[in-house]
PDB file of N, CA and C in Angstrom:
ATOM      1  N   MET A   1     -52.321 -13.814 -23.349  1.00  0.00           N
ATOM      2  CA  MET A   1     -51.903 -13.123 -24.663  1.00  0.00           C
ATOM      3  C   MET A   1     -50.502 -13.160 -24.883  1.00  0.00           C
ATOM      4  N   ALA A   2     -50.400 -12.878 -25.949  1.00  0.00           N
ATOM      5  CA  ALA A   2     -49.143 -13.472 -26.709  1.00  0.00           C
ATOM      6  C   ALA A   2     -47.805 -12.227 -25.859  1.00  0.00           C
ATOM      7  N   LEU A   3     -46.375 -12.766 -26.126  1.00  0.00           N
ATOM      8  CA  LEU A   3     -45.385 -11.783 -25.671  1.00  0.00           C
ATOM      9  C   LEU A   3     -44.292 -11.674 -26.747  1.00  0.00           C
ATOM     10  N   THR A   4     -43.680 -10.672 -27.081  1.00  0.00           N
ATOM     11  CA  THR A   4     -42.745 -11.232 -27.950  1.00  0.00           C
ATOM     12  C   THR A   4     -42.090 -10.117 -27.390  1.00  0.00           C
ATOM     13  N   GLN A   5     -41.502  -9.828 -25.898  1.00  0.00           N
ATOM     14  CA  GLN A   5     -39.719  -9.052 -25.038  1.00  0.00           C
ATOM     15  C   GLN A   5     -39.198 -10.969 -25.216  1.00  0.00           C
ATOM     16  N   VAL A   6     -38.016 -10.716 -24.315  1.00  0.00           N
ATOM     17  CA  VAL A   6     -37.117 -11.705 -23.725  1.00  0.00           C
ATOM     18  C   VAL A   6     -37.347 -11.628 -22.385  1.00  0.00           C
ATOM     19  N   PRO A   7     -37.992 -13.080 -22.090  1.00  0.00           N
ATOM     20  CA  PRO A   7     -38.500 -13.663 -20.657  1.00  0.00           C
ATOM     21  C   PRO A   7     -37.244 -13.531 -20.213  1.00  0.00           C
ATOM     22  N   GLU A   8     -37.678 -12.734 -18.675  1.00  0.00           N
ATOM     23  CA  GLU A   8     -36.744 -12.589 -17.417  1.00  0.00           C
ATOM     24  C   GLU A   8     -35.857 -13.764 -16.903  1.00  0.00           C
ATOM     25  N   SER A   9     -36.911 -15.289 -17.191  1.00  0.00           N
ATOM     26  CA  SER A   9     -36.526 -16.261 -16.172  1.00  0.00           C
ATOM     27  C   SER A   9     -35.741 -17.351 -17.563  1.00  0.00           C
ATOM     28  N   LYS A  10     -34.448 -17.539 -16.844  1.00  0.00           N
ATOM     29  CA  LYS A  10     -33.569 -18.363 -17.881  1.00  0.00           C
ATOM     30  C   LYS A  10     -34.481 -19.632 -18.546  1.00  0.00           C
ATOM     31  N   PHE A  11     -35.090 -20.117 -17.546  1.00  0.00           N
ATOM     32  CA  PHE A  11     -35.647 -21.320 -17.929  1.00  0.00           C
ATOM     33  C   PHE A  11     -36.536 -21.107 -19.391  1.00  0.00           C
ATOM     34  N   ALA A  12     -37.536 -20.289 -18.560  1.00  0.00           N
ATOM     35  CA  ALA A  12     -38.798 -19.822 -19.726  1.00  0.00           C
ATOM     36  C   ALA A  12     -37.797 -19.615 -21.455  1.00  0.00           C
ATOM     37  N   TYR A  13     -36.896 -18.241 -21.368  1.00  0.00           N
ATOM     38  CA  TYR A  13     -35.913 -17.781 -22.159  1.00  0.00           C
ATOM     39  C   TYR A  13     -34.693 -19.376 -23.325  1.00  0.00           C
ATOM     40  N   VAL A  14     -35.326 -20.556 -22.786  1.00  0.00           N
ATOM     41  CA  VAL A  14     -34.368 -21.339 -22.544  1.00  0.00           C
ATOM     42  C   VAL A  14     -35.037 -22.418 -23.624  1.00  0.00           C
ATOM     43  N   VAL A  15     -36.766 -22.953 -23.113  1.00  0.00           N
ATOM     44  CA  VAL A  15     -37.731 -23.319 -23.427  1.00  0.00           C
ATOM     45  C   VAL A  15     -38.350 -22.660 -23.868  1.00  0.00           C
ATOM     46  N   VAL A  16     -39.031 -21.541 -24.149  1.00  0.00           N
ATOM     47  CA  VAL A  16     -38.241 -20.835 -26.255  1.00  0.00           C
ATOM     48  C   VAL A  16     -37.923 -21.261 -27.342  1.00  0.00           C
ATOM     49  N   VAL A  17     -36.703 -20.975 -26.719  1.00  0.00           N
ATOM     50  CA  VAL A  17     -35.558 -20.711 -27.827  1.00  0.00           C
ATOM     51  C   VAL A  17     -35.141 -21.922 -28.095  1.00  0.00           C
ATOM     52  N   SER A  18     -35.125 -23.180 -27.429  1.00  0.00           N
ATOM     53  CA  SER A  18     -35.799 -24.974 -27.715  1.00  0.00           C
ATOM     54  C   SER A  18     -36.795 -25.361 -28.303  1.00  0.00           C
ATOM     55  N   ARG A  19     -37.747 -24.549 -27.995  1.00  0.00           N
ATOM     56  CA  ARG A  19     -39.490 -24.479 -29.093  1.00  0.00           C
ATOM     57  C   ARG A  19     -39.333 -24.434 -30.241  1.00  0.00           C
ATOM     58  N   ARG A  20     -38.466 -23.385 -30.538  1.00  0.00           N
ATOM     59  CA  ARG A  20     -38.388 -22.361 -32.374  1.00  0.00           C
ATOM     60  C   ARG A  20     -37.135 -23.430 -32.830  1.00  0.00           C
ATOM     61  N   ALA A  21     -35.990 -23.754 -31.858  1.00  0.00           N
ATOM     62  CA  ALA A  21     -35.456 -24.879 -33.228  1.00  0.00           C
ATOM     63  C   ALA A  21     -35.781 -25.317 -32.981  1.00  0.00           C
ATOM     64  N   ARG A  22     -36.837 -26.502 -32.593  1.00  0.00           N
ATOM     65  CA  ARG A  22     -37.091 -28.289 -33.144  1.00  0.00           C
ATOM     66  C   ARG A  22     -38.259 -27.553 -33.812  1.00  0.00           C
ATOM     67  N   GLN A  23     -39.120 -26.800 -34.090  1.00  0.00           N
ATOM     68  CA  GLN A  23     -39.696 -26.440 -35.650  1.00  0.00           C
ATOM     69  C   GLN A  23     -38.693 -25.899 -36.318  1.00  0.00           C
ATOM     70  N   LEU A  24     -37.706 -25.368 -36.461  1.00  0.00           N
ATOM     71  CA  LEU A  24     -36.247 -24.756 -37.493  1.00  0.00           C
ATOM     72  C   LEU A  24     -35.675 -26.641 -37.917  1.00  0.00           C
ATOM     73  N   MET A  25     -35.749 -26.606 -37.090  1.00  0.00           N
ATOM     74  CA  MET A  25     -35.333 -28.352 -37.320  1.00  0.00           C
ATOM     75  C   MET A  25     -36.951 -28.948 -37.554  1.00  0.00           C
ATOM     76  N   ILE A  26     -37.104 -29.356 -38.092  1.00  0.00           N
ATOM     77  CA  ILE A  26     -38.106 -30.099 -39.457  1.00  0.00           C
ATOM     78  C   ILE A  26     -38.581 -29.402 -40.698  1.00  0.00           C
ATOM     79  N   GLY A  27     -38.251 -28.059 -40.547  1.00  0.00           N
ATOM     80  CA  GLY A  27     -37.909 -27.426 -41.698  1.00  0.00           C
ATOM     81  C   GLY A  27     -38.950 -26.171 -41.500  1.00  0.00           C
ATOM     82  N   GLY A  28     -39.233 -25.554 -40.725  1.00  0.00           N
ATOM     83  CA  GLY A  28     -39.299 -24.609 -40.828  1.00  0.00           C
ATOM     84  C   GLY A  28     -38.987 -23.227 -41.051  1.00  0.00           C
ATOM     85  N   ARG A  29     -39.329 -22.043 -41.844  1.00  0.00           N
ATOM     86  CA  ARG A  29     -37.971 -21.166 -41.874  1.00  0.00           C
ATOM     87  C   ARG A  29     -37.942 -20.227 -40.993  1.00  0.00           C
ATOM     88  N   PRO A  30     -36.902 -19.772 -41.017  1.00  0.00           N
ATOM     89  CA  PRO A  30     -35.613 -18.696 -40.092  1.00  0.00           C
ATOM     90  C   PRO A  30     -36.873 -17.143 -40.890  1.00  0.00           C
ATOM     91  N   LEU A  31     -37.073 -16.540 -39.544  1.00  0.00           N
ATOM     92  CA  LEU A  31     -37.714 -15.581 -39.271  1.00  0.00           C
ATOM     93  C   LEU A  31     -37.024 -14.303 -39.510  1.00  0.00           C
ATOM     94  N   VAL A  32     -35.632 -14.291 -39.498  1.00  0.00           N
ATOM     95  CA  VAL A  32     -34.608 -13.669 -40.086  1.00  0.00           C
ATOM     96  C   VAL A  32     -33.846 -13.239 -41.489  1.00  0.00           C
ATOM     97  N   ASP A  33     -34.116 -12.053 -41.615  1.00  0.00           N
ATOM     98  CA  ASP A  33     -33.443 -12.089 -43.259  1.00  0.00           C
ATOM     99  C   ASP A  33     -32.049 -12.914 -43.781  1.00  0.00           C
ATOM    100  N   ASN A  34     -31.470 -12.593 -42.754  1.00  0.00           N
ATOM    101  CA  ASN A  34     -29.490 -12.995 -43.235  1.00  0.00           C
ATOM    102  C   ASN A  34     -28.989 -14.159 -41.801  1.00  0.00           C
ATOM    103  N   PRO A  35     -28.976 -14.546 -41.543  1.00  0.00           N
ATOM    104  CA  PRO A  35     -29.194 -15.512 -39.758  1.00  0.00           C
ATOM    105  C   PRO A  35     -27.562 -15.128 -39.581  1.00  0.00           C
ATOM    106  N   LYS A  36     -27.316 -15.133 -39.036  1.00  0.00           N
ATOM    107  CA  LYS A  36     -25.361 -15.223 -38.545  1.00  0.00           C
ATOM    108  C   LYS A  36     -24.856 -16.262 -38.443  1.00  0.00           C
ATOM    109  N   SER A  37     -25.838 -17.329 -37.879  1.00  0.00           N
ATOM    110  CA  SER A  37     -25.366 -18.247 -37.554  1.00  0.00           C
ATOM    111  C   SER A  37     -26.344 -19.070 -38.516  1.00  0.00           C
ATOM    112  N   ARG A  38     -25.590 -21.286 -39.379  1.00  0.00           N
ATOM    113  CA  ARG A  38     -26.587 -21.955 -39.376  1.00  0.00           C
ATOM    114  C   ARG A  38     -27.018 -22.563 -38.875  1.00  0.00           C
ATOM    115  N   LYS A  39     -27.171 -22.583 -37.569  1.00  0.00           N
ATOM    116  CA  LYS A  39     -27.408 -23.663 -36.403  1.00  0.00           C
ATOM    117  C   LYS A  39     -28.895 -22.728 -36.160  1.00  0.00           C
ATOM    118  N   ASN A  40     -29.580 -24.460 -36.620  1.00  0.00           N
ATOM    119  CA  ASN A  40     -30.523 -23.798 -35.352  1.00  0.00           C
ATOM    120  C   ASN A  40     -31.372 -23.035 -34.370  1.00  0.00           C
ATOM    121  N   THR A  41     -30.422 -23.236 -32.925  1.00  0.00           N
ATOM    122  CA  THR A  41     -30.444 -23.012 -31.408  1.00  0.00           C
ATOM    123  C   THR A  41     -30.498 -21.305 -32.283  1.00  0.00           C
ATOM    124  N   ARG A  42     -29.380 -21.421 -32.508  1.00  0.00           N
ATOM    125  CA  ARG A  42     -28.295 -19.598 -32.725  1.00  0.00           C
ATOM    126  C   ARG A  42     -30.468 -18.744 -34.066  1.00  0.00           C
ATOM    127  N   ILE A  43     -30.240 -19.889 -34.789  1.00  0.00           N
ATOM    128  CA  ILE A  43     -31.421 -18.831 -35.045  1.00  0.00           C
ATOM    129  C   ILE A  43     -32.535 -18.759 -34.487  1.00  0.00           C
ATOM    130  N   ALA A  44     -32.935 -19.065 -33.625  1.00  0.00           N
ATOM    131  CA  ALA A  44     -34.034 -19.057 -33.041  1.00  0.00           C
ATOM    132  C   ALA A  44     -33.247 -17.947 -31.762  1.00  0.00           C
ATOM    133  N   GLU A  45     -32.426 -18.228 -31.096  1.00  0.00           N
ATOM    134  CA  GLU A  45     -32.221 -17.136 -30.509  1.00  0.00           C
ATOM    135  C   GLU A  45     -32.153 -15.821 -31.040  1.00  0.00           C
ATOM    136  N   GLU A  46     -31.470 -15.943 -31.546  1.00  0.00           N
ATOM    137  CA  GLU A  46     -31.821 -14.522 -32.646  1.00  0.00           C
ATOM    138  C   GLU A  46     -32.682 -13.599 -33.181  1.00  0.00           C
ATOM    139  N   GLU A  47     -34.149 -14.866 -33.292  1.00  0.00           N
ATOM    140  CA  GLU A  47     -35.408 -13.797 -33.686  1.00  0.00           C
ATOM    141  C   GLU A  47     -35.989 -13.679 -32.259  1.00  0.00           C
ATOM    142  N   LEU A  48     -35.466 -14.872 -30.893  1.00  0.00           N
ATOM    143  CA  LEU A  48     -36.219 -14.643 -30.155  1.00  0.00           C
ATOM    144  C   LEU A  48     -35.685 -12.707 -29.783  1.00  0.00           C
ATOM    145  N   LEU A  49     -33.970 -12.739 -29.564  1.00  0.00           N
ATOM    146  CA  LEU A  49     -33.635 -11.415 -29.168  1.00  0.00           C
ATOM    147  C   LEU A  49     -34.261 -10.056 -30.111  1.00  0.00           C
ATOM    148  N   GLN A  50     -34.017 -10.515 -31.223  1.00  0.00           N
ATOM    149  CA  GLN A  50     -35.109  -9.700 -31.675  1.00  0.00           C
ATOM    150  C   GLN A  50     -36.648  -9.203 -31.886  1.00  0.00           C
ATOM    151  N   GLY A  51     -37.128  -9.955 -31.314  1.00  0.00           N
ATOM    152  CA  GLY A  51     -38.606  -9.793 -30.836  1.00  0.00           C
ATOM    153  C   GLY A  51     -39.732 -10.207 -31.656  1.00  0.00           C
ATOM    154  N   LEU A  52     -39.257 -12.039 -33.049  1.00  0.00           N
ATOM    155  CA  LEU A  52     -39.828 -11.900 -33.657  1.00  0.00           C
ATOM    156  C   LEU A  52     -41.071 -12.461 -33.436  1.00  0.00           C
ATOM    157  N   LEU A  53     -40.200 -13.389 -32.387  1.00  0.00           N
ATOM    158  CA  LEU A  53     -41.014 -14.904 -31.945  1.00  0.00           C
ATOM    159  C   LEU A  53     -42.573 -14.467 -30.743  1.00  0.00           C
ATOM    160  N   GLU A  54     -43.289 -14.869 -30.737  1.00  0.00           N
ATOM    161  CA  GLU A  54     -44.694 -14.944 -29.662  1.00  0.00           C
ATOM    162  C   GLU A  54     -45.132 -16.108 -29.285  1.00  0.00           C
ATOM    163  N   TYR A  55     -44.871 -16.039 -27.039  1.00  0.00           N
ATOM    164  CA  TYR A  55     -45.385 -16.996 -26.661  1.00  0.00           C
ATOM    165  C   TYR A  55     -46.001 -16.445 -25.840  1.00  0.00           C
ATOM    166  N   GLU A  56     -46.042 -17.493 -24.613  1.00  0.00           N
ATOM    167  CA  GLU A  56     -46.972 -16.927 -23.437  1.00  0.00           C
ATOM    168  C   GLU A  56     -46.668 -17.764 -22.628  1.00  0.00           C
ATOM    169  N   LEU A  57     -46.693 -17.678 -21.186  1.00  0.00           N
ATOM    170  CA  LEU A  57     -45.905 -17.412 -19.824  1.00  0.00           C
ATOM    171  C   LEU A  57     -47.547 -18.913 -19.413  1.00  0.00           C
ATOM    172  N   PRO A  58     -47.517 -20.403 -18.944  1.00  0.00           N
ATOM    173  CA  PRO A  58     -48.350 -20.633 -18.332  1.00  0.00           C
ATOM    174  C   PRO A  58     -48.692 -19.643 -17.113  1.00  0.00           C
ATOM    175  N   LYS A  59     -49.993 -19.849 -16.196  1.00  0.00           N
ATOM    176  CA  LYS A  59     -50.124 -18.563 -15.172  1.00  0.00           C
ATOM    177  C   LYS A  59     -50.058 -20.022 -14.420  1.00  0.00           C
ATOM    178  N   VAL A  60     -49.800 -19.749 -12.551  1.00  0.00           N
ATOM    179  CA  VAL A  60     -49.591 -20.323 -12.005  1.00  0.00           C
ATOM    180  C   VAL A  60     -50.377 -20.104 -10.445  1.00  0.00           C
ATOM    181  N   THR A  61     -51.245 -21.027 -10.729  1.00  0.00           N
ATOM    182  CA  THR A  61     -52.233 -20.453  -9.616  1.00  0.00           C
ATOM    183  C   THR A  61     -51.574 -20.738  -8.395  1.00  0.00           C
ATOM    184  N   GLU A  62     -52.470 -20.013  -7.080  1.00  0.00           N
ATOM    185  CA  GLU A  62     -52.289 -19.816  -5.823  1.00  0.00           C
ATOM    186  C   GLU A  62     -52.207 -21.470  -5.482  1.00  0.00           C
ATOM    187  N   GLY A  63     -52.734 -21.971  -5.799  1.00  0.00           N
ATOM    188  CA  GLY A  63     -52.389 -23.868  -5.349  1.00  0.00           C
ATOM    189  C   GLY A  63     -50.956 -23.853  -5.079  1.00  0.00           C
ATOM    190  N   ALA A  64     -50.002 -23.876  -6.068  1.00  0.00           N
ATOM    191  CA  ALA A  64     -49.178 -24.232  -6.378  1.00  0.00           C
ATOM    192  C   ALA A  64     -47.990 -24.293  -5.788  1.00  0.00           C
ATOM    193  N   GLU A  65     -47.929 -23.127  -5.284  1.00  0.00           N
ATOM    194  CA  GLU A  65     -47.119 -22.824  -4.298  1.00  0.00           C
ATOM    195  C   GLU A  65     -47.367 -23.636  -2.991  1.00  0.00           C
ATOM    196  N   GLY A  66     -46.018 -24.040  -2.115  1.00  0.00           N
ATOM    197  CA  GLY A  66     -46.286 -24.703  -0.631  1.00  0.00           C
ATOM    198  C   GLY A  66     -45.910 -23.079   0.061  1.00  0.00           C
ATOM    199  N   ARG A  67     -46.193 -24.007   1.242  1.00  0.00           N
ATOM    200  CA  ARG A  67     -45.530 -23.193   2.500  1.00  0.00           C
ATOM    201  C   ARG A  67     -44.570 -22.804   2.600  1.00  0.00           C
ATOM    202  N   ASP A  68     -43.336 -23.118   1.588  1.00  0.00           N
ATOM    203  CA  ASP A  68     -42.114 -22.815   1.551  1.00  0.00           C
ATOM    204  C   ASP A  68     -41.544 -21.984   0.590  1.00  0.00           C
ATOM    205  N   GLY A  69     -42.627 -21.236  -0.365  1.00  0.00           N
ATOM    206  CA  GLY A  69     -42.888 -20.374  -1.377  1.00  0.00           C
ATOM    207  C   GLY A  69     -42.684 -20.527  -2.372  1.00  0.00           C
ATOM    208  N   LYS A  70     -42.082 -22.266  -3.168  1.00  0.00           N
ATOM    209  CA  LYS A  70     -40.985 -23.437  -3.821  1.00  0.00           C
ATOM    210  C   LYS A  70     -42.662 -23.926  -4.769  1.00  0.00           C
ATOM    211  N   ARG A  71     -42.483 -24.540  -6.330  1.00  0.00           N
ATOM    212  CA  ARG A  71     -43.432 -24.886  -6.140  1.00  0.00           C
ATOM    213  C   ARG A  71     -43.258 -26.332  -5.952  1.00  0.00           C
ATOM    214  N   HIS A  72     -44.735 -26.933  -6.114  1.00  0.00           N
ATOM    215  CA  HIS A  72     -44.670 -28.687  -6.052  1.00  0.00           C
ATOM    216  C   HIS A  72     -46.036 -29.455  -6.818  1.00  0.00           C
ATOM    217  N   LYS A  73     -45.493 -30.675  -7.068  1.00  0.00           N
ATOM    218  CA  LYS A  73     -45.905 -30.904  -7.747  1.00  0.00           C
ATOM    219  C   LYS A  73     -47.494 -31.294  -7.623  1.00  0.00           C
TER     220      LYS A  73
END
Protein backbone atom coordinates (compact mmCIF):
# COMPACT_ATOMS: atom_id res chain seq x y z
CA MET A 1 0.00 0.00 0.00
CA ALA A 2 1.52 3.31 -1.06
CA LEU A 3 1.32 6.27 1.31
CA THR A 4 1.08 9.92 0.32
CA GLN A 5 0.92 11.58 3.75
CA VAL A 6 3.98 12.95 5.54
CA PRO A 7 5.75 10.22 7.56
CA GLU A 8 5.55 10.53 11.34
CA SER A 9 9.16 9.44 11.75
CA LYS A 10 11.83 12.09 11.11
CA PHE A 11 14.11 9.39 9.73
CA ALA A 12 11.49 8.22 7.21
CA TYR A 13 10.82 11.85 6.25
CA VAL A 14 14.51 12.42 5.46
CA VAL A 15 14.81 9.14 3.54
CA VAL A 16 11.78 9.89 1.34
CA VAL A 17 12.93 13.45 0.60
CA SER A 18 16.52 12.41 -0.12
CA ARG A 19 15.47 9.65 -2.53
CA ARG A 20 13.21 12.04 -4.41
CA ALA A 21 15.98 14.68 -4.48
CA ARG A 22 18.30 12.12 -6.10
CA GLN A 23 15.65 11.46 -8.76
CA LEU A 24 15.47 15.19 -9.45
CA MET A 25 19.28 15.45 -9.65
CA ILE A 26 19.48 12.85 -12.42
CA GLY A 27 16.83 14.58 -14.51
CA GLY A 28 13.43 13.90 -12.96
CA ARG A 29 10.82 16.57 -13.49
CA PRO A 30 9.35 18.36 -10.46
CA LEU A 31 5.76 17.44 -9.61
CA VAL A 32 5.01 20.99 -8.46
CA ASP A 33 4.21 23.61 -11.09
CA ASN A 34 6.12 26.55 -9.61
CA PRO A 35 8.66 25.36 -7.04
CA LYS A 36 9.57 27.94 -4.39
CA SER A 37 13.25 26.98 -4.64
CA ARG A 38 15.65 25.72 -7.27
CA LYS A 39 17.32 23.28 -4.87
CA ASN A 40 16.43 19.63 -5.39
CA THR A 41 16.04 18.89 -1.68
CA ARG A 42 13.63 21.81 -1.20
CA ILE A 43 11.60 20.80 -4.26
CA ALA A 44 11.40 17.21 -2.96
CA GLU A 45 10.32 18.46 0.48
CA GLU A 46 7.66 20.67 -1.09
CA GLU A 47 6.34 17.71 -3.11
CA LEU A 48 6.13 15.56 0.02
CA LEU A 49 4.35 18.24 2.06
CA GLN A 50 1.79 18.68 -0.74
CA GLY A 51 1.13 14.92 -0.78
CA LEU A 52 2.43 14.39 -4.31
CA LEU A 53 4.89 11.61 -3.47
CA GLU A 54 3.97 7.97 -2.97
CA TYR A 55 6.18 5.75 -0.85
CA GLU A 56 6.06 2.51 1.14
CA LEU A 57 7.48 1.93 4.60
CA PRO A 58 9.07 -1.47 5.24
CA LYS A 59 7.20 -3.80 7.54
CA VAL A 60 8.92 -4.59 10.85
CA THR A 61 8.86 -8.27 11.73
CA GLU A 62 8.37 -9.44 15.30
CA GLY A 63 11.84 -10.99 15.48
CA ALA A 64 13.57 -7.73 14.53
CA GLU A 65 13.18 -6.27 18.02
CA GLY A 66 15.17 -7.50 20.98
CA ARG A 67 14.10 -7.78 24.60
CA ASP A 68 14.96 -4.16 25.22
CA GLY A 69 12.54 -3.03 22.48
CA LYS A 70 15.31 -1.86 20.17
CA ARG A 71 15.83 -3.19 16.68
CA HIS A 72 19.04 -5.11 16.08
CA LYS A 73 20.69 -6.39 12.91
